[in-house]
Amino acid sequence: MTSIQSLRKRWKSLSGLQKTLINLVIWGGLIAAYFIWQHNRMPGAMLYVHNQTDRPIFSYFVNDNWGGNATANGGGGATCCWRIEGKTLKVDWIKGRTGEQVRDGVKKETLSIEIPNPPRQRGDRYLHVHFFPKDQVRVAWSTNLDTPYENLKEAPPVANTKDKEAKSQ
């Protein structure tokens, strides 16, 4: 007799209550495992851009997740819902041009930098990406759309692309 046949025979010999209890234990275990797994996962993130440069950000990406664009000396918008994980973040961006900058011969630039991923709490849903003059970038997690930097001058040291490769287009 094969093992499958012996299992069938044994299953048939069980009472209805025993079969029901076994089914409840199996399905309950699977459902509990799913909820435990979901609870331990970090939720998806929204990218929110802050641009303090005199050039628009044509487009930017964090770990290959698109973050949108931002006007010069202004904010941008939020894009959702990305899985932003890892000890480091790769930020790629394309510096756009205003009409006046195009007339002045300013070229588009594509830049890239790797920076440490700041600590994230479970409730943090927004990754704020700050672009500053001289190709400096700061990132920070927060629970809302407000930047976690009350005073940008007190923000952590900036990372810049001085030693990184920048390509003019």
C-alpha atoms as a PDB file:
ATOM      1  CA  MET A   1       0.000   0.000   0.000  1.00  0.00           C
ATOM      2  CA  THR A   2       1.425   3.425  -0.955  1.00  0.00           C
ATOM      3  CA  SER A   3       1.735   6.258   1.502  1.00  0.00           C
ATOM      4  CA  ILE A   4      -0.981   8.309  -0.270  1.00  0.00           C
ATOM      5  CA  GLN A   5      -3.422   5.405  -0.046  1.00  0.00           C
ATOM      6  CA  SER A   6      -2.633   4.921   3.644  1.00  0.00           C
ATOM      7  CA  LEU A   7      -3.187   8.645   4.270  1.00  0.00           C
ATOM      8  CA  ARG A   8      -6.541   8.497   2.447  1.00  0.00           C
ATOM      9  CA  LYS A   9      -7.604   5.483   4.489  1.00  0.00           C
ATOM     10  CA  ARG A  10      -6.561   7.190   7.709  1.00  0.00           C
ATOM     11  CA  TRP A  11      -8.367  10.447   6.701  1.00  0.00           C
ATOM     12  CA  LYS A  12     -11.576   8.527   5.970  1.00  0.00           C
ATOM     13  CA  SER A  13     -11.408   6.846   9.359  1.00  0.00           C
ATOM     14  CA  LEU A  14     -11.453  10.215  11.162  1.00  0.00           C
ATOM     15  CA  SER A  15     -14.699  11.635  12.483  1.00  0.00           C
ATOM     16  CA  GLY A  16     -16.196  14.806  11.011  1.00  0.00           C
ATOM     17  CA  LEU A  17     -15.167  16.804  14.083  1.00  0.00           C
ATOM     18  CA  GLN A  18     -11.551  15.628  13.806  1.00  0.00           C
ATOM     19  CA  LYS A  19     -11.424  16.561  10.090  1.00  0.00           C
ATOM     20  CA  THR A  20     -12.876  20.001  10.848  1.00  0.00           C
ATOM     21  CA  LEU A  21     -10.345  20.639  13.615  1.00  0.00           C
ATOM     22  CA  ILE A  22      -7.428  19.599  11.381  1.00  0.00           C
ATOM     23  CA  ASN A  23      -8.674  21.916   8.615  1.00  0.00           C
ATOM     24  CA  LEU A  24      -9.057  24.798  11.076  1.00  0.00           C
ATOM     25  CA  VAL A  25      -5.532  24.303  12.417  1.00  0.00           C
ATOM     26  CA  ILE A  26      -4.006  24.191   8.916  1.00  0.00           C
ATOM     27  CA  TRP A  27      -5.938  27.202   7.552  1.00  0.00           C
ATOM     28  CA  GLY A  28      -5.519  29.134  10.808  1.00  0.00           C
ATOM     29  CA  GLY A  29      -1.762  28.527  10.721  1.00  0.00           C
ATOM     30  CA  LEU A  30      -1.501  29.754   7.127  1.00  0.00           C
ATOM     31  CA  ILE A  31      -3.547  32.869   7.850  1.00  0.00           C
ATOM     32  CA  ALA A  32      -1.563  33.613  11.020  1.00  0.00           C
ATOM     33  CA  ALA A  33       1.733  33.183   9.134  1.00  0.00           C
ATOM     34  CA  TYR A  34       0.522  35.638   6.458  1.00  0.00           C
ATOM     35  CA  PHE A  35      -0.451  38.292   9.037  1.00  0.00           C
ATOM     36  CA  ILE A  36       2.811  37.880  10.933  1.00  0.00           C
ATOM     37  CA  TRP A  37       4.733  38.272   7.667  1.00  0.00           C
ATOM     38  CA  GLN A  38       2.703  41.393   6.725  1.00  0.00           C
ATOM     39  CA  HIS A  39       3.183  42.931  10.168  1.00  0.00           C
ATOM     40  CA  ASN A  40       6.968  42.520   9.982  1.00  0.00           C
ATOM     41  CA  ARG A  41       7.257  44.026   6.491  1.00  0.00           C
ATOM     42  CA  MET A  42       7.935  47.725   6.122  1.00  0.00           C
ATOM     43  CA  PRO A  43       5.066  49.431   4.315  1.00  0.00           C
ATOM     44  CA  GLY A  44       5.483  50.960   0.871  1.00  0.00           C
ATOM     45  CA  ALA A  45       6.896  54.447   0.645  1.00  0.00           C
ATOM     46  CA  MET A  46       6.091  57.683  -1.118  1.00  0.00           C
ATOM     47  CA  LEU A  47       8.895  59.789  -2.546  1.00  0.00           C
ATOM     48  CA  TYR A  48       8.571  63.541  -1.958  1.00  0.00           C
ATOM     49  CA  VAL A  49      10.964  66.021  -3.558  1.00  0.00           C
ATOM     50  CA  HIS A  50      12.251  69.386  -2.281  1.00  0.00           C
ATOM     51  CA  ASN A  51      14.315  71.393  -4.765  1.00  0.00           C
ATOM     52  CA  GLN A  52      16.413  74.297  -3.450  1.00  0.00           C
ATOM     53  CA  THR A  53      18.407  74.777  -6.671  1.00  0.00           C
ATOM     54  CA  ASP A  54      18.072  77.326  -9.460  1.00  0.00           C
ATOM     55  CA  ARG A  55      17.448  74.532 -11.962  1.00  0.00           C
ATOM     56  CA  PRO A  56      14.387  72.348 -12.280  1.00  0.00           C
ATOM     57  CA  ILE A  57      14.718  68.634 -11.601  1.00  0.00           C
ATOM     58  CA  PHE A  58      13.523  67.070 -14.843  1.00  0.00           C
ATOM     59  CA  SER A  59      13.245  63.620 -13.258  1.00  0.00           C
ATOM     60  CA  TYR A  60      14.746  61.685 -10.366  1.00  0.00           C
ATOM     61  CA  PHE A  61      14.883  58.101  -9.143  1.00  0.00           C
ATOM     62  CA  VAL A  62      15.665  56.462  -5.801  1.00  0.00           C
ATOM     63  CA  ASN A  63      16.804  52.849  -6.168  1.00  0.00           C
ATOM     64  CA  ASP A  64      15.278  52.877  -9.674  1.00  0.00           C
ATOM     65  CA  ASN A  65      11.892  54.053  -8.331  1.00  0.00           C
ATOM     66  CA  TRP A  66      10.658  57.147 -10.189  1.00  0.00           C
ATOM     67  CA  GLY A  67      10.138  60.221  -8.031  1.00  0.00           C
ATOM     68  CA  GLY A  68       8.799  62.712 -10.552  1.00  0.00           C
ATOM     69  CA  ASN A  69      10.090  66.230 -11.140  1.00  0.00           C
ATOM     70  CA  ALA A  70      10.381  69.573  -9.347  1.00  0.00           C
ATOM     71  CA  THR A  71      10.458  73.215 -10.313  1.00  0.00           C
ATOM     72  CA  ALA A  72      13.494  75.378  -9.654  1.00  0.00           C
ATOM     73  CA  ASN A  73      13.597  76.785  -6.094  1.00  0.00           C
ATOM     74  CA  GLY A  74      10.445  74.946  -5.229  1.00  0.00           C
ATOM     75  CA  GLY A  75       8.832  71.737  -4.329  1.00  0.00           C
ATOM     76  CA  GLY A  76       7.532  68.967  -6.375  1.00  0.00           C
ATOM     77  CA  GLY A  77       5.107  66.230  -5.766  1.00  0.00           C
ATOM     78  CA  ALA A  78       4.878  62.805  -4.294  1.00  0.00           C
ATOM     79  CA  THR A  79       4.915  59.485  -6.119  1.00  0.00           C
ATOM     80  CA  CYS A  80       3.654  56.278  -4.598  1.00  0.00           C
ATOM     81  CA  CYS A  81       4.020  53.393  -3.713  1.00  0.00           C
ATOM     82  CA  TRP A  82       7.566  52.142  -3.780  1.00  0.00           C
ATOM     83  CA  ARG A  83       9.564  49.612  -1.849  1.00  0.00           C
ATOM     84  CA  ILE A  84      12.582  51.590  -0.645  1.00  0.00           C
ATOM     85  CA  GLU A  85      14.970  49.305   1.218  1.00  0.00           C
ATOM     86  CA  GLY A  86      18.644  48.690   1.756  1.00  0.00           C
ATOM     87  CA  LYS A  87      21.492  50.245   3.675  1.00  0.00           C
ATOM     88  CA  THR A  88      22.296  52.632   0.839  1.00  0.00           C
ATOM     89  CA  LEU A  89      20.106  54.541  -1.586  1.00  0.00           C
ATOM     90  CA  LYS A  90      21.073  55.281  -5.160  1.00  0.00           C
ATOM     91  CA  VAL A  91      19.717  58.668  -6.215  1.00  0.00           C
ATOM     92  CA  ASP A  92      19.796  59.466  -9.937  1.00  0.00           C
ATOM     93  CA  TRP A  93      18.531  62.768 -11.252  1.00  0.00           C
ATOM     94  CA  ILE A  94      18.399  64.848 -14.392  1.00  0.00           C
ATOM     95  CA  LYS A  95      18.921  68.558 -13.950  1.00  0.00           C
ATOM     96  CA  GLY A  96      16.544  70.308 -16.320  1.00  0.00           C
ATOM     97  CA  ARG A  97      16.676  73.864 -17.651  1.00  0.00           C
ATOM     98  CA  THR A  98      14.443  76.887 -17.627  1.00  0.00           C
ATOM     99  CA  GLY A  99      13.816  78.686 -20.923  1.00  0.00           C
ATOM    100  CA  GLU A 100      16.380  81.320 -19.998  1.00  0.00           C
ATOM    101  CA  GLN A 101      18.954  78.651 -19.137  1.00  0.00           C
ATOM    102  CA  VAL A 102      18.373  76.984 -22.523  1.00  0.00           C
ATOM    103  CA  ARG A 103      19.017  80.316 -24.259  1.00  0.00           C
ATOM    104  CA  ASP A 104      22.175  80.746 -22.168  1.00  0.00           C
ATOM    105  CA  GLY A 105      23.448  77.369 -23.418  1.00  0.00           C
ATOM    106  CA  VAL A 106      23.094  75.452 -20.151  1.00  0.00           C
ATOM    107  CA  LYS A 107      23.104  71.702 -20.819  1.00  0.00           C
ATOM    108  CA  LYS A 108      21.007  69.004 -19.208  1.00  0.00           C
ATOM    109  CA  GLU A 109      22.986  66.962 -16.712  1.00  0.00           C
ATOM    110  CA  THR A 110      22.442  63.435 -15.443  1.00  0.00           C
ATOM    111  CA  LEU A 111      23.892  62.804 -11.999  1.00  0.00           C
ATOM    112  CA  SER A 112      24.036  59.857  -9.649  1.00  0.00           C
ATOM    113  CA  ILE A 113      25.029  59.334  -6.047  1.00  0.00           C
ATOM    114  CA  GLU A 114      24.852  56.607  -3.410  1.00  0.00           C
ATOM    115  CA  ILE A 115      24.046  57.748   0.115  1.00  0.00           C
ATOM    116  CA  PRO A 116      23.205  55.968   3.382  1.00  0.00           C
ATOM    117  CA  ASN A 117      19.545  55.163   3.924  1.00  0.00           C
ATOM    118  CA  PRO A 118      18.547  57.098   7.055  1.00  0.00           C
ATOM    119  CA  PRO A 119      16.909  55.193   9.915  1.00  0.00           C
ATOM    120  CA  ARG A 120      13.231  54.418   9.297  1.00  0.00           C
ATOM    121  CA  GLN A 121      10.489  53.827  11.830  1.00  0.00           C
ATOM    122  CA  ARG A 122       7.481  51.632  11.082  1.00  0.00           C
ATOM    123  CA  GLY A 123       5.166  54.669  10.737  1.00  0.00           C
ATOM    124  CA  ASP A 124       7.450  56.480   8.266  1.00  0.00           C
ATOM    125  CA  ARG A 125       5.705  56.581   4.904  1.00  0.00           C
ATOM    126  CA  TYR A 126       7.486  59.458   3.139  1.00  0.00           C
ATOM    127  CA  LEU A 127      11.066  59.624   1.944  1.00  0.00           C
ATOM    128  CA  HIS A 128      11.928  63.300   1.482  1.00  0.00           C
ATOM    129  CA  VAL A 129      14.595  63.881  -1.158  1.00  0.00           C
ATOM    130  CA  HIS A 130      16.218  67.328  -0.894  1.00  0.00           C
ATOM    131  CA  PHE A 131      18.290  68.733  -3.763  1.00  0.00           C
ATOM    132  CA  PHE A 132      20.638  71.605  -2.904  1.00  0.00           C
ATOM    133  CA  PRO A 133      23.077  73.742  -4.916  1.00  0.00           C
ATOM    134  CA  LYS A 134      26.422  72.225  -5.833  1.00  0.00           C
ATOM    135  CA  ASP A 135      24.731  68.843  -6.448  1.00  0.00           C
ATOM    136  CA  GLN A 136      24.139  68.152  -2.779  1.00  0.00           C
ATOM    137  CA  VAL A 137      21.443  65.659  -1.770  1.00  0.00           C
ATOM    138  CA  ARG A 138      19.819  64.910   1.603  1.00  0.00           C
ATOM    139  CA  VAL A 139      17.202  62.268   2.314  1.00  0.00           C
ATOM    140  CA  ALA A 140      15.050  61.750   5.402  1.00  0.00           C
ATOM    141  CA  TRP A 141      12.069  59.643   6.429  1.00  0.00           C
ATOM    142  CA  SER A 142       8.920  61.080   8.014  1.00  0.00           C
ATOM    143  CA  THR A 143       5.368  60.135   8.857  1.00  0.00           C
ATOM    144  CA  ASN A 144       3.835  62.961   6.775  1.00  0.00           C
ATOM    145  CA  LEU A 145       4.505  65.432   3.972  1.00  0.00           C
ATOM    146  CA  ASP A 146       6.285  67.867   6.291  1.00  0.00           C
ATOM    147  CA  THR A 147      10.021  67.732   5.950  1.00  0.00           C
ATOM    148  CA  PRO A 148      11.669  66.359   9.082  1.00  0.00           C
ATOM    149  CA  TYR A 149      14.168  69.231   8.918  1.00  0.00           C
ATOM    150  CA  GLU A 150      12.620  72.130  10.856  1.00  0.00           C
ATOM    151  CA  ASN A 151      15.562  74.281   9.884  1.00  0.00           C
ATOM    152  CA  LEU A 152      17.434  73.153   6.791  1.00  0.00           C
ATOM    153  CA  LYS A 153      20.632  74.678   8.147  1.00  0.00           C
ATOM    154  CA  GLU A 154      20.467  72.208  11.050  1.00  0.00           C
ATOM    155  CA  ALA A 155      20.004  69.215   8.752  1.00  0.00           C
ATOM    156  CA  PRO A 156      22.630  66.465   8.690  1.00  0.00           C
ATOM    157  CA  PRO A 157      25.705  66.894   6.500  1.00  0.00           C
ATOM    158  CA  VAL A 158      25.041  66.710   2.801  1.00  0.00           C
ATOM    159  CA  ALA A 159      26.320  64.249   0.268  1.00  0.00           C
ATOM    160  CA  ASN A 160      27.352  65.621  -3.081  1.00  0.00           C
ATOM    161  CA  THR A 161      28.479  64.334  -6.417  1.00  0.00           C
ATOM    162  CA  LYS A 162      31.806  66.172  -6.498  1.00  0.00           C
ATOM    163  CA  ASP A 163      33.687  62.893  -6.734  1.00  0.00           C
ATOM    164  CA  LYS A 164      30.908  61.114  -8.591  1.00  0.00           C
ATOM    165  CA  GLU A 165      30.498  60.878 -12.316  1.00  0.00           C
ATOM    166  CA  ALA A 166      28.271  63.520 -13.902  1.00  0.00           C
ATOM    167  CA  LYS A 167      27.391  63.346 -17.588  1.00  0.00           C
ATOM    168  CA  SER A 168      26.401  66.334 -19.686  1.00  0.00           C
ATOM    169  CA  GLN A 169      23.901  65.703 -22.436  1.00  0.00           C
END
